[in-house]
Amino acid sequence: MLAAIAETPGITVSALSRALSIHVSTASNLIERLVQRGLVERLRCEDDRRAVRVRVTTAGKSVLATAPQPLRGLLVDALSRLPAETLSQLDGDLDCLIAHLNGGADADAANEPL
């Protein structure tokens, strides 16, 4: 949710709920938690005082800077278009590769980037 707010500063609660496919009340409750933690702030719309917009605070931006990024890009798109059988084969092949990588290395090496 924090990333979605950061992508669209000043997004309304209703637009955010639609973007995340959640109920407006659920979005409001989650926003309240983020406000309490100081990660977002609410702003009343000047043209419609009933509407509320939210934006990420400096503290929220700091959290986002250290958070893993959402899966996006060419690889994710390509994987999403593969048939289930191909994905299953790929999963097995990657397990085999990881086993070979781990075969001669210490346990922590599996967590190191190539």
C-alpha atoms as a PDB file:
ATOM      1  CA  MET A   1       0.000   0.000   0.000  1.00  0.00           C
ATOM      2  CA  LEU A   2       2.805   2.398   0.878  1.00  0.00           C
ATOM      3  CA  ALA A   3       4.381   1.889  -2.564  1.00  0.00           C
ATOM      4  CA  ALA A   4       1.032   2.514  -4.278  1.00  0.00           C
ATOM      5  CA  ILE A   5       0.632   5.785  -2.386  1.00  0.00           C
ATOM      6  CA  ALA A   6       4.193   6.807  -3.267  1.00  0.00           C
ATOM      7  CA  GLU A   7       3.550   6.097  -6.957  1.00  0.00           C
ATOM      8  CA  THR A   8       0.549   8.443  -6.951  1.00  0.00           C
ATOM      9  CA  PRO A   9       1.101  11.218  -4.403  1.00  0.00           C
ATOM     10  CA  GLY A  10      -2.202  12.720  -3.328  1.00  0.00           C
ATOM     11  CA  ILE A  11      -4.222   9.674  -4.351  1.00  0.00           C
ATOM     12  CA  THR A  12      -7.711   9.546  -2.885  1.00  0.00           C
ATOM     13  CA  VAL A  13      -8.681   6.740  -0.541  1.00  0.00           C
ATOM     14  CA  SER A  14     -11.315   5.520  -2.993  1.00  0.00           C
ATOM     15  CA  ALA A  15      -8.849   5.503  -5.919  1.00  0.00           C
ATOM     16  CA  LEU A  16      -6.311   3.667  -3.766  1.00  0.00           C
ATOM     17  CA  SER A  17      -8.883   1.057  -2.775  1.00  0.00           C
ATOM     18  CA  ARG A  18      -9.735   0.498  -6.456  1.00  0.00           C
ATOM     19  CA  ALA A  19      -6.048   0.255  -7.406  1.00  0.00           C
ATOM     20  CA  LEU A  20      -5.454  -2.369  -4.712  1.00  0.00           C
ATOM     21  CA  SER A  21      -8.795  -4.147  -5.247  1.00  0.00           C
ATOM     22  CA  ILE A  22      -9.798  -3.748  -1.610  1.00  0.00           C
ATOM     23  CA  HIS A  23     -12.861  -2.241   0.077  1.00  0.00           C
ATOM     24  CA  VAL A  24     -12.716   1.466   0.916  1.00  0.00           C
ATOM     25  CA  SER A  25     -13.121   0.710   4.647  1.00  0.00           C
ATOM     26  CA  THR A  26     -10.165  -1.699   4.498  1.00  0.00           C
ATOM     27  CA  ALA A  27      -8.061   0.954   2.772  1.00  0.00           C
ATOM     28  CA  SER A  28      -9.090   3.507   5.407  1.00  0.00           C
ATOM     29  CA  ASN A  29      -8.112   1.161   8.241  1.00  0.00           C
ATOM     30  CA  LEU A  30      -4.737   0.403   6.676  1.00  0.00           C
ATOM     31  CA  ILE A  31      -4.107   4.097   6.034  1.00  0.00           C
ATOM     32  CA  GLU A  32      -4.903   4.828   9.684  1.00  0.00           C
ATOM     33  CA  ARG A  33      -2.157   2.416  10.734  1.00  0.00           C
ATOM     34  CA  LEU A  34       0.302   4.053   8.350  1.00  0.00           C
ATOM     35  CA  VAL A  35      -0.668   7.501   9.675  1.00  0.00           C
ATOM     36  CA  GLN A  36      -0.132   6.316  13.271  1.00  0.00           C
ATOM     37  CA  ARG A  37       3.349   5.131  12.322  1.00  0.00           C
ATOM     38  CA  GLY A  38       4.102   8.453  10.644  1.00  0.00           C
ATOM     39  CA  LEU A  39       4.552   6.889   7.204  1.00  0.00           C
ATOM     40  CA  VAL A  40       1.719   8.717   5.412  1.00  0.00           C
ATOM     41  CA  GLU A  41      -0.357  11.821   5.973  1.00  0.00           C
ATOM     42  CA  ARG A  42      -3.953  12.610   5.126  1.00  0.00           C
ATOM     43  CA  LEU A  43      -4.895  15.760   3.271  1.00  0.00           C
ATOM     44  CA  ARG A  44      -8.404  17.132   2.804  1.00  0.00           C
ATOM     45  CA  CYS A  45      -9.242  17.996  -0.792  1.00  0.00           C
ATOM     46  CA  GLU A  46      -9.752  21.726  -1.153  1.00  0.00           C
ATOM     47  CA  ASP A  47     -12.469  21.397  -3.791  1.00  0.00           C
ATOM     48  CA  ASP A  48     -14.347  18.615  -1.946  1.00  0.00           C
ATOM     49  CA  ARG A  49     -13.793  18.639   1.826  1.00  0.00           C
ATOM     50  CA  ARG A  50     -15.329  15.150   2.111  1.00  0.00           C
ATOM     51  CA  ALA A  51     -12.597  13.593   0.002  1.00  0.00           C
ATOM     52  CA  VAL A  52      -9.286  12.605   1.579  1.00  0.00           C
ATOM     53  CA  ARG A  53      -5.980  12.332  -0.227  1.00  0.00           C
ATOM     54  CA  VAL A  54      -2.905  10.612   1.149  1.00  0.00           C
ATOM     55  CA  ARG A  55       0.791  11.020   0.521  1.00  0.00           C
ATOM     56  CA  VAL A  56       3.943   9.414   1.836  1.00  0.00           C
ATOM     57  CA  THR A  57       5.938  11.276   4.493  1.00  0.00           C
ATOM     58  CA  THR A  58       9.720  11.527   4.640  1.00  0.00           C
ATOM     59  CA  ALA A  59       9.721   8.616   7.089  1.00  0.00           C
ATOM     60  CA  GLY A  60       7.600   6.589   4.667  1.00  0.00           C
ATOM     61  CA  LYS A  61      10.031   7.326   1.841  1.00  0.00           C
ATOM     62  CA  SER A  62      12.873   6.055   4.025  1.00  0.00           C
ATOM     63  CA  VAL A  63      10.994   2.808   4.643  1.00  0.00           C
ATOM     64  CA  LEU A  64      10.339   2.402   0.921  1.00  0.00           C
ATOM     65  CA  ALA A  65      13.995   3.008   0.098  1.00  0.00           C
ATOM     66  CA  THR A  66      14.962  -0.084   2.102  1.00  0.00           C
ATOM     67  CA  ALA A  67      11.985  -2.276   1.178  1.00  0.00           C
ATOM     68  CA  PRO A  68      12.103  -4.904  -1.569  1.00  0.00           C
ATOM     69  CA  GLN A  69      10.643  -3.593  -4.797  1.00  0.00           C
ATOM     70  CA  PRO A  70       7.523  -5.091  -6.348  1.00  0.00           C
ATOM     71  CA  LEU A  71       8.109  -7.671  -9.044  1.00  0.00           C
ATOM     72  CA  ARG A  72       8.111  -5.921 -12.409  1.00  0.00           C
ATOM     73  CA  GLY A  73       9.895  -6.041 -15.681  1.00  0.00           C
ATOM     74  CA  LEU A  74      10.620  -8.294 -18.615  1.00  0.00           C
ATOM     75  CA  LEU A  75      11.423 -11.439 -16.626  1.00  0.00           C
ATOM     76  CA  VAL A  76       8.249 -11.262 -14.552  1.00  0.00           C
ATOM     77  CA  ASP A  77       6.182 -10.604 -17.662  1.00  0.00           C
ATOM     78  CA  ALA A  78       7.780 -13.500 -19.544  1.00  0.00           C
ATOM     79  CA  LEU A  79       7.334 -15.901 -16.606  1.00  0.00           C
ATOM     80  CA  SER A  80       3.679 -14.939 -16.272  1.00  0.00           C
ATOM     81  CA  ARG A  81       3.077 -16.038 -19.863  1.00  0.00           C
ATOM     82  CA  LEU A  82       4.709 -19.467 -19.564  1.00  0.00           C
ATOM     83  CA  PRO A  83       2.489 -22.543 -19.328  1.00  0.00           C
ATOM     84  CA  ALA A  84       2.289 -24.290 -15.936  1.00  0.00           C
ATOM     85  CA  GLU A  85       4.200 -27.324 -17.243  1.00  0.00           C
ATOM     86  CA  THR A  86       7.127 -25.151 -18.352  1.00  0.00           C
ATOM     87  CA  LEU A  87       7.164 -23.300 -15.016  1.00  0.00           C
ATOM     88  CA  SER A  88       7.201 -26.627 -13.172  1.00  0.00           C
ATOM     89  CA  GLN A  89      10.159 -27.829 -15.264  1.00  0.00           C
ATOM     90  CA  LEU A  90      11.966 -24.529 -14.700  1.00  0.00           C
ATOM     91  CA  ASP A  91      11.374 -24.804 -10.945  1.00  0.00           C
ATOM     92  CA  GLY A  92      12.938 -28.275 -10.891  1.00  0.00           C
ATOM     93  CA  ASP A  93      15.866 -27.160 -13.025  1.00  0.00           C
ATOM     94  CA  LEU A  94      16.526 -24.179 -10.754  1.00  0.00           C
ATOM     95  CA  ASP A  95      16.394 -26.452  -7.696  1.00  0.00           C
ATOM     96  CA  CYS A  96      19.024 -28.632  -9.367  1.00  0.00           C
ATOM     97  CA  LEU A  97      21.205 -25.607 -10.139  1.00  0.00           C
ATOM     98  CA  ILE A  98      20.958 -24.380  -6.541  1.00  0.00           C
ATOM     99  CA  ALA A  99      21.894 -27.826  -5.251  1.00  0.00           C
ATOM    100  CA  HIS A 100      25.013 -27.791  -7.448  1.00  0.00           C
ATOM    101  CA  LEU A 101      25.885 -24.283  -6.320  1.00  0.00           C
ATOM    102  CA  ASN A 102      25.519 -25.343  -2.701  1.00  0.00           C
ATOM    103  CA  GLY A 103      27.469 -28.570  -3.198  1.00  0.00           C
ATOM    104  CA  GLY A 104      30.908 -27.037  -2.859  1.00  0.00           C
ATOM    105  CA  ALA A 105      30.089 -23.901  -0.897  1.00  0.00           C
ATOM    106  CA  ASP A 106      29.297 -23.075   2.684  1.00  0.00           C
ATOM    107  CA  ALA A 107      25.658 -22.638   3.751  1.00  0.00           C
ATOM    108  CA  ASP A 108      25.795 -18.829   3.641  1.00  0.00           C
ATOM    109  CA  ALA A 109      26.924 -18.814   0.009  1.00  0.00           C
ATOM    110  CA  ALA A 110      23.416 -19.732  -1.145  1.00  0.00           C
ATOM    111  CA  ASN A 111      22.251 -16.301  -0.019  1.00  0.00           C
ATOM    112  CA  GLU A 112      24.954 -14.396  -1.918  1.00  0.00           C
ATOM    113  CA  PRO A 113      24.171 -12.791  -5.287  1.00  0.00           C
ATOM    114  CA  LEU A 114      25.885 -14.268  -8.307  1.00  0.00           C
END
